[in-house]
Amino acid sequence: MLIGEVSRRSGVSTRMLRHYESLGLVTPTGRTSGGYREYSFDDIQRIFHVESLRSLGLSLRDVQRALDDPQFVPADLVSDLIRQTQSRIDREQELLTRLRRVEETDPADWGDVLGIIRMLRALDSDHAALRQQAVLSAAPDVSLPVEVLADAVLAEADLNVAGAMMWALARAGSDGLARVAAGLASRDADVRRRAVLAIAALPHAEANTLLQGALADTDEVVRRRAALELGARGQVDAVPTLIDMVVQGTGDVEAAESLGRLADSSSIAQEIVRSLVDKLGGDAVAGTRLRLAQALAELPGPAAVQALSQLTHDKDRTVALTAETILRNRESPRQRAARRPAGPKNEPPTG
């Protein structure tokens, strides 16, 4: 078969077929009496093999090695191609994301485009100071899209920079809440932790619902952060998690303070005291009972007083003295005066 017909049937241009021949990749088996290239069936099969391998992204050098080297291992090359392709896709995805972020700002001219690009580069910087400066200096010139801010918050590990980003996000209105909330569904616990902090910083009523959902998170830090914020907002849903924090001794001081703020009614105060005593009161470790006394110090009402009174008889002297001190500090001046022993009575003069 002559080169023109091979080109028509294979879809490979005659110029490329000559290039294959110059590389020794596909050499026609024979020549006609007139000196024209003549391809055999095996030659045509090799052309199809070459094109198939090129479609996978192989260079012509790799194609030749794959076809001619008996020691060639296809699996190794395929694995390498997968890595290269994934890297290329990641770069293209990053470019696409950047272009969409620029588009979201609705730029009016090239000056706006260049401004937002500078801002995005600064947010991607390895230097925390540059990222923070990018956010704080954005207001006069460039309005960062809410999506950009939300994604930056969820990716930011530096607390100071994250604080600046959350401040900017709060100024952007309620649109950022849904974007940040998406971070609660991340498989990465660090992202979920940042999402809780960001939601807590946004002054929206819908944030309570999101934080309540975070109380069931598999990550302990996420649960604790959500509970402390809900407690500060007066949400009693946080009580079980806050009690667990006191029991476990993780953030127990903050948790006890939050429980004290939530115990604004006698029924809630009683329930909190009962839960704490049930979980901590009979513990054999004195340090645990000491933590119970310290938590009870934050709780109002007679139930807390009764539990502290029982702790004044604790077998551990430190626990007992701590409970006594807390009780004295809770007493009014009149109650403290009544507890003082009476002095000697004045005897009437004789004579």
Protein backbone atom coordinates (compact mmCIF):
# COMPACT_ATOMS: atom_id res chain seq x y z
CA MET A 1 0.00 0.00 0.00
CA LEU A 2 1.41 3.37 -1.03
CA ILE A 3 1.88 6.26 1.38
CA GLY A 4 -1.08 8.28 0.09
CA GLU A 5 -3.54 5.45 0.64
CA VAL A 6 -2.03 4.64 4.04
CA SER A 7 -2.53 8.29 5.01
CA ARG A 8 -6.18 8.24 3.95
CA ARG A 9 -6.96 5.01 5.79
CA SER A 10 -5.03 5.72 8.96
CA GLY A 11 -5.73 9.43 9.29
CA VAL A 12 -2.00 10.11 9.70
CA SER A 13 -0.67 12.77 7.36
CA THR A 14 1.98 11.85 4.81
CA ARG A 15 4.26 14.40 6.42
CA MET A 16 3.97 12.62 9.79
CA LEU A 17 4.52 9.22 8.14
CA ARG A 18 7.77 10.53 6.65
CA HIS A 19 8.71 11.87 10.09
CA TYR A 20 8.06 8.44 11.61
CA GLU A 21 10.35 6.95 8.98
CA SER A 22 13.12 9.49 9.68
CA LEU A 23 13.02 8.49 13.35
CA GLY A 24 13.09 4.80 12.55
CA LEU A 25 9.70 4.44 14.18
CA VAL A 26 7.76 3.11 11.15
CA THR A 27 9.87 2.12 8.17
CA PRO A 28 8.08 0.94 5.01
CA THR A 29 8.93 -2.67 4.23
CA GLY A 30 9.59 -2.10 0.55
CA ARG A 31 9.64 0.15 -2.45
CA THR A 32 7.85 -0.07 -5.75
CA SER A 33 9.73 -0.33 -9.04
CA GLY A 34 9.26 3.39 -9.33
CA GLY A 35 10.91 3.94 -5.92
CA TYR A 36 7.73 4.81 -4.00
CA ARG A 37 7.31 3.73 -0.39
CA GLU A 38 5.23 0.60 0.03
CA TYR A 39 3.74 -0.32 3.41
CA SER A 40 2.93 -3.89 4.36
CA PHE A 41 0.10 -5.02 6.64
CA ASP A 42 2.54 -5.22 9.57
CA ASP A 43 3.72 -1.67 8.84
CA ILE A 44 0.15 -0.40 8.97
CA GLN A 45 -0.44 -2.26 12.23
CA ARG A 46 2.63 -0.56 13.69
CA ILE A 47 1.27 2.83 12.62
CA PHE A 48 -1.92 2.12 14.54
CA HIS A 49 0.12 1.02 17.56
CA VAL A 50 2.10 4.25 17.41
CA GLU A 51 -1.06 6.36 17.26
CA SER A 52 -2.67 4.45 20.10
CA LEU A 53 0.31 5.02 22.38
CA ARG A 54 0.53 8.68 21.41
CA SER A 55 -3.12 9.07 22.41
CA LEU A 56 -2.07 8.15 25.95
CA GLY A 57 0.31 11.11 26.01
CA LEU A 58 3.56 9.25 25.25
CA SER A 59 6.34 11.05 23.46
CA LEU A 60 7.61 9.52 20.20
CA ARG A 61 10.76 8.43 22.03
CA ASP A 62 8.67 6.59 24.64
CA VAL A 63 6.54 5.08 21.88
CA GLN A 64 9.63 3.67 20.17
CA ARG A 65 10.95 2.32 23.45
CA ALA A 66 7.59 0.71 24.21
CA LEU A 67 7.47 -1.01 20.81
CA ASP A 68 11.11 -2.04 20.42
CA ASP A 69 12.56 -2.60 23.91
CA PRO A 70 11.93 -6.18 25.09
CA GLN A 71 12.68 -5.12 28.68
CA PHE A 72 9.99 -2.45 28.62
CA VAL A 73 7.44 -2.69 31.48
CA PRO A 74 4.10 -1.14 30.38
CA ALA A 75 2.72 -0.82 33.91
CA ASP A 76 5.58 1.48 34.98
CA LEU A 77 5.03 3.82 32.07
CA VAL A 78 1.27 3.87 32.57
CA SER A 79 1.74 4.74 36.26
CA ASP A 80 4.09 7.56 35.29
CA LEU A 81 1.59 8.84 32.75
CA ILE A 82 -1.14 8.83 35.38
CA ARG A 83 1.01 10.98 37.69
CA GLN A 84 1.86 13.40 34.90
CA THR A 85 -1.75 13.64 33.81
CA GLN A 86 -3.00 14.21 37.36
CA SER A 87 -0.42 16.94 37.84
CA ARG A 88 -1.54 18.60 34.61
CA ILE A 89 -5.19 18.36 35.63
CA ASP A 90 -4.38 19.91 39.02
CA ARG A 91 -2.62 22.82 37.32
CA GLU A 92 -5.51 23.32 34.94
CA GLN A 93 -7.99 23.13 37.81
CA GLU A 94 -6.01 25.73 39.74
CA LEU A 95 -6.02 28.00 36.70
CA LEU A 96 -9.76 27.46 36.23
CA THR A 97 -10.42 28.32 39.88
CA ARG A 98 -8.33 31.46 39.60
CA LEU A 99 -10.15 32.56 36.44
CA ARG A 100 -13.53 32.01 38.06
CA ARG A 101 -12.48 34.03 41.08
CA VAL A 102 -11.44 36.88 38.81
CA GLU A 103 -14.75 36.60 36.96
CA GLU A 104 -16.71 36.73 40.26
CA THR A 105 -15.33 40.20 40.96
CA ASP A 106 -16.97 41.45 37.73
CA PRO A 107 -13.88 43.45 36.69
CA ALA A 108 -14.51 46.61 34.68
CA ASP A 109 -11.05 46.87 33.12
CA TRP A 110 -7.62 45.30 33.08
CA GLY A 111 -6.62 47.32 36.14
CA ASP A 112 -9.31 45.51 38.15
CA VAL A 113 -8.19 42.15 36.76
CA LEU A 114 -4.56 42.79 37.68
CA GLY A 115 -5.61 44.00 41.14
CA ILE A 116 -7.54 40.86 41.97
CA ILE A 117 -4.73 38.67 40.59
CA ARG A 118 -2.24 40.40 42.89
CA MET A 119 -4.65 39.82 45.76
CA LEU A 120 -5.06 36.14 44.97
CA ARG A 121 -1.31 35.66 44.71
CA ALA A 122 -0.85 37.32 48.09
CA LEU A 123 -3.45 34.99 49.63
CA ASP A 124 -1.49 32.03 48.24
CA SER A 125 1.77 33.31 49.71
CA ASP A 126 3.77 31.17 52.13
CA HIS A 127 4.25 34.24 54.36
CA ALA A 128 1.48 34.81 56.90
CA ALA A 129 2.15 38.57 57.05
CA LEU A 130 1.56 38.94 53.30
CA ARG A 131 -1.69 36.98 53.49
CA GLN A 132 -2.92 39.12 56.36
CA GLN A 133 -1.93 42.32 54.60
CA ALA A 134 -3.75 41.20 51.47
CA VAL A 135 -7.01 40.92 53.39
CA LEU A 136 -6.67 44.09 55.43
CA SER A 137 -5.68 46.23 52.46
CA ALA A 138 -8.33 44.88 50.09
CA ALA A 139 -11.22 47.12 51.11
CA PRO A 140 -10.21 50.44 49.47
CA ASP A 141 -9.45 49.03 46.03
CA VAL A 142 -10.65 45.49 45.51
CA SER A 143 -13.71 43.71 46.81
CA LEU A 144 -12.73 40.10 47.33
CA PRO A 145 -15.45 37.59 46.42
CA VAL A 146 -17.09 35.94 49.40
CA GLU A 147 -16.12 32.55 47.98
CA VAL A 148 -12.46 33.56 47.94
CA LEU A 149 -12.57 34.71 51.56
CA ALA A 150 -14.45 31.62 52.72
CA ASP A 151 -12.05 29.24 50.98
CA ALA A 152 -9.09 31.17 52.38
CA VAL A 153 -10.50 30.95 55.92
CA LEU A 154 -10.96 27.19 55.64
CA ALA A 155 -7.37 26.79 54.43
CA GLU A 156 -5.70 29.22 56.86
CA ALA A 157 -3.67 27.67 59.68
CA ASP A 158 -2.37 30.92 61.19
CA LEU A 159 -4.88 32.17 63.79
CA ASN A 160 -3.99 35.85 63.33
CA VAL A 161 -4.43 35.70 59.57
CA ALA A 162 -7.62 33.66 59.98
CA GLY A 163 -8.96 36.35 62.33
CA ALA A 164 -8.41 39.03 59.69
CA MET A 165 -10.09 36.87 57.08
CA MET A 166 -13.10 36.18 59.33
CA TRP A 167 -13.40 39.92 60.03
CA ALA A 168 -13.48 40.59 56.29
CA LEU A 169 -15.94 37.74 55.77
CA ALA A 170 -18.28 39.10 58.47
CA ARG A 171 -18.25 42.47 56.72
CA ALA A 172 -19.21 40.77 53.46
CA GLY A 173 -22.67 39.85 54.84
CA SER A 174 -24.53 36.57 55.21
CA ASP A 175 -23.45 35.15 51.85
CA GLY A 176 -20.26 33.76 53.33
CA LEU A 177 -22.01 31.58 55.91
CA ALA A 178 -23.13 28.88 53.47
CA ARG A 179 -19.71 28.69 51.87
CA VAL A 180 -17.95 28.35 55.22
CA ALA A 181 -20.56 25.84 56.41
CA ALA A 182 -19.56 23.58 53.53
CA GLY A 183 -16.31 23.07 55.41
CA LEU A 184 -18.20 21.13 58.10
CA ALA A 185 -18.65 18.32 55.58
CA SER A 186 -14.93 18.07 54.82
CA ARG A 187 -13.13 14.80 55.49
CA ASP A 188 -10.26 16.84 56.91
CA ALA A 189 -10.78 17.49 60.63
CA ASP A 190 -8.60 20.60 60.46
CA VAL A 191 -10.92 22.12 57.86
CA ARG A 192 -13.95 21.33 60.04
CA ARG A 193 -12.25 22.95 63.04
CA ARG A 194 -11.62 26.12 61.05
CA ALA A 195 -15.18 26.06 59.78
CA VAL A 196 -16.55 26.04 63.35
CA LEU A 197 -14.37 28.99 64.31
CA ALA A 198 -15.44 30.91 61.22
CA ILE A 199 -19.14 30.18 61.80
CA ALA A 200 -18.80 31.31 65.40
CA ALA A 201 -17.36 34.61 64.19
CA LEU A 202 -20.29 35.30 61.86
CA PRO A 203 -23.19 37.13 63.56
CA HIS A 204 -26.02 35.21 61.92
CA ALA A 205 -28.91 33.39 63.57
CA GLU A 206 -28.45 30.47 61.16
CA ALA A 207 -25.05 29.85 62.73
CA ASN A 208 -26.71 28.30 65.81
CA THR A 209 -28.19 25.50 63.73
CA LEU A 210 -24.84 24.78 62.09
CA LEU A 211 -23.05 24.75 65.43
CA GLN A 212 -25.67 22.44 66.92
CA GLY A 213 -24.99 20.02 64.07
CA ALA A 214 -21.27 20.22 64.83
CA LEU A 215 -21.94 18.84 68.33
CA ALA A 216 -22.25 15.42 66.68
CA ASP A 217 -18.95 15.68 64.80
CA THR A 218 -16.55 12.77 65.11
CA ASP A 219 -13.71 15.12 66.01
CA GLU A 220 -13.48 16.07 69.68
CA VAL A 221 -12.03 19.52 69.00
CA VAL A 222 -14.89 20.38 66.64
CA ARG A 223 -17.43 19.33 69.28
CA ARG A 224 -15.70 21.34 72.01
CA ARG A 225 -15.43 24.51 69.93
CA ALA A 226 -19.08 24.27 68.90
CA ALA A 227 -20.21 23.67 72.49
CA LEU A 228 -18.26 26.64 73.90
CA GLU A 229 -19.68 28.97 71.26
CA LEU A 230 -23.23 27.69 71.75
CA GLY A 231 -22.84 28.10 75.51
CA ALA A 232 -21.77 31.70 74.98
CA ARG A 233 -24.92 32.16 72.90
CA GLY A 234 -27.13 30.73 75.65
CA GLN A 235 -27.97 27.49 73.81
CA VAL A 236 -28.67 24.66 76.28
CA ASP A 237 -28.01 22.06 73.56
CA ALA A 238 -24.36 22.48 74.45
CA VAL A 239 -24.77 21.25 78.05
CA PRO A 240 -23.99 17.52 77.47
CA THR A 241 -20.80 18.31 75.54
CA LEU A 242 -19.72 20.89 78.10
CA ILE A 243 -20.23 18.36 80.89
CA ASP A 244 -18.13 15.84 78.94
CA MET A 245 -15.37 18.46 78.71
CA VAL A 246 -15.37 18.84 82.50
CA VAL A 247 -15.38 15.07 82.94
CA GLN A 248 -12.50 14.58 80.51
CA GLY A 249 -10.53 17.55 81.81
CA THR A 250 -10.17 19.09 78.33
CA GLY A 251 -11.02 22.77 78.39
CA ASP A 252 -12.81 22.09 81.67
CA VAL A 253 -12.34 25.63 83.03
CA GLU A 254 -13.97 27.26 80.01
CA ALA A 255 -16.65 24.56 79.97
CA ALA A 256 -17.50 25.13 83.66
CA GLU A 257 -17.77 28.88 83.10
CA SER A 258 -20.07 28.26 80.16
CA LEU A 259 -22.21 25.89 82.24
CA GLY A 260 -22.48 28.58 84.90
CA ARG A 261 -23.83 31.03 82.33
CA LEU A 262 -26.35 28.49 81.06
CA ALA A 263 -27.63 27.58 84.56
CA ASP A 264 -30.00 30.53 84.64
CA SER A 265 -32.91 28.49 86.00
CA SER A 266 -33.06 26.17 88.98
CA SER A 267 -34.13 23.19 86.87
CA ILE A 268 -31.18 23.51 84.48
CA ALA A 269 -28.77 24.13 87.36
CA GLN A 270 -30.04 21.03 89.16
CA GLU A 271 -29.68 18.89 86.05
CA ILE A 272 -26.12 20.09 85.46
CA VAL A 273 -25.13 19.46 89.09
CA ARG A 274 -26.72 16.01 89.01
CA SER A 275 -24.83 15.06 85.82
CA LEU A 276 -21.53 16.31 87.16
CA VAL A 277 -21.91 14.51 90.49
CA ASP A 278 -22.99 11.28 88.79
CA LYS A 279 -19.97 11.31 86.49
CA LEU A 280 -17.31 12.71 88.81
CA GLY A 281 -18.41 12.39 92.42
CA GLY A 282 -17.53 8.74 92.96
CA ASP A 283 -14.26 8.81 91.03
CA ALA A 284 -11.36 7.23 92.88
CA VAL A 285 -8.93 9.84 91.58
CA ALA A 286 -8.78 12.87 93.84
CA GLY A 287 -7.86 15.15 90.94
CA THR A 288 -11.17 14.34 89.26
CA ARG A 289 -13.17 15.24 92.37
CA LEU A 290 -11.17 18.45 92.65
CA ARG A 291 -12.26 19.30 89.13
CA LEU A 292 -15.84 18.64 90.19
CA ALA A 293 -15.52 21.11 93.07
CA GLN A 294 -14.06 23.75 90.76
CA ALA A 295 -16.88 23.24 88.26
CA LEU A 296 -19.53 23.47 91.01
CA ALA A 297 -18.06 26.84 91.99
CA GLU A 298 -19.46 28.26 88.75
CA LEU A 299 -22.99 26.94 89.30
CA PRO A 300 -25.71 28.78 91.22
CA GLY A 301 -28.44 27.30 93.42
CA PRO A 302 -28.90 24.96 96.36
CA ALA A 303 -28.02 21.80 94.43
CA ALA A 304 -24.48 23.07 93.89
CA VAL A 305 -24.21 24.11 97.56
CA GLN A 306 -25.33 20.67 98.70
CA ALA A 307 -22.82 18.91 96.43
CA LEU A 308 -20.02 21.18 97.66
CA SER A 309 -21.02 20.53 101.28
CA GLN A 310 -20.61 16.81 100.69
CA LEU A 311 -17.17 17.41 99.18
CA THR A 312 -16.04 19.22 102.35
CA HIS A 313 -15.93 15.73 103.92
CA ASP A 314 -13.85 14.27 101.08
CA LYS A 315 -11.07 11.91 102.15
CA ASP A 316 -8.60 14.01 100.16
CA ARG A 317 -7.67 17.12 102.14
CA THR A 318 -7.10 19.28 99.05
CA VAL A 319 -10.56 18.46 97.71
CA ALA A 320 -12.18 19.11 101.11
CA LEU A 321 -10.39 22.44 101.64
CA THR A 322 -11.21 23.58 98.11
CA ALA A 323 -14.90 22.84 98.64
CA GLU A 324 -14.85 24.69 101.99
CA THR A 325 -13.18 27.72 100.41
CA ILE A 326 -15.70 27.82 97.59
CA LEU A 327 -18.59 27.62 100.03
CA ARG A 328 -17.18 30.46 102.16
CA ASN A 329 -16.77 32.63 99.08
CA ARG A 330 -20.39 32.00 98.15
CA GLU A 331 -21.69 33.15 101.55
CA SER A 332 -22.92 36.63 102.20
CA PRO A 333 -21.13 38.74 104.86
CA ARG A 334 -24.02 38.05 107.28
CA GLN A 335 -23.71 34.30 106.73
CA ARG A 336 -19.96 34.43 107.32
CA ALA A 337 -20.49 36.42 110.52
CA ALA A 338 -23.00 33.85 111.77
CA ARG A 339 -20.41 31.10 111.24
CA ARG A 340 -17.82 32.79 113.49
CA PRO A 341 -17.59 31.38 117.03
CA ALA A 342 -19.08 33.66 119.71
CA GLY A 343 -16.58 35.57 121.91
CA PRO A 344 -16.60 35.54 125.79
CA LYS A 345 -19.54 37.33 127.37
CA ASN A 346 -18.90 40.44 129.48
CA GLU A 347 -19.51 39.68 133.17
CA PRO A 348 -21.32 42.36 135.16
CA PRO A 349 -19.06 44.15 137.67
CA THR A 350 -19.24 42.98 141.31
CA GLY A 351 -18.73 44.95 144.39
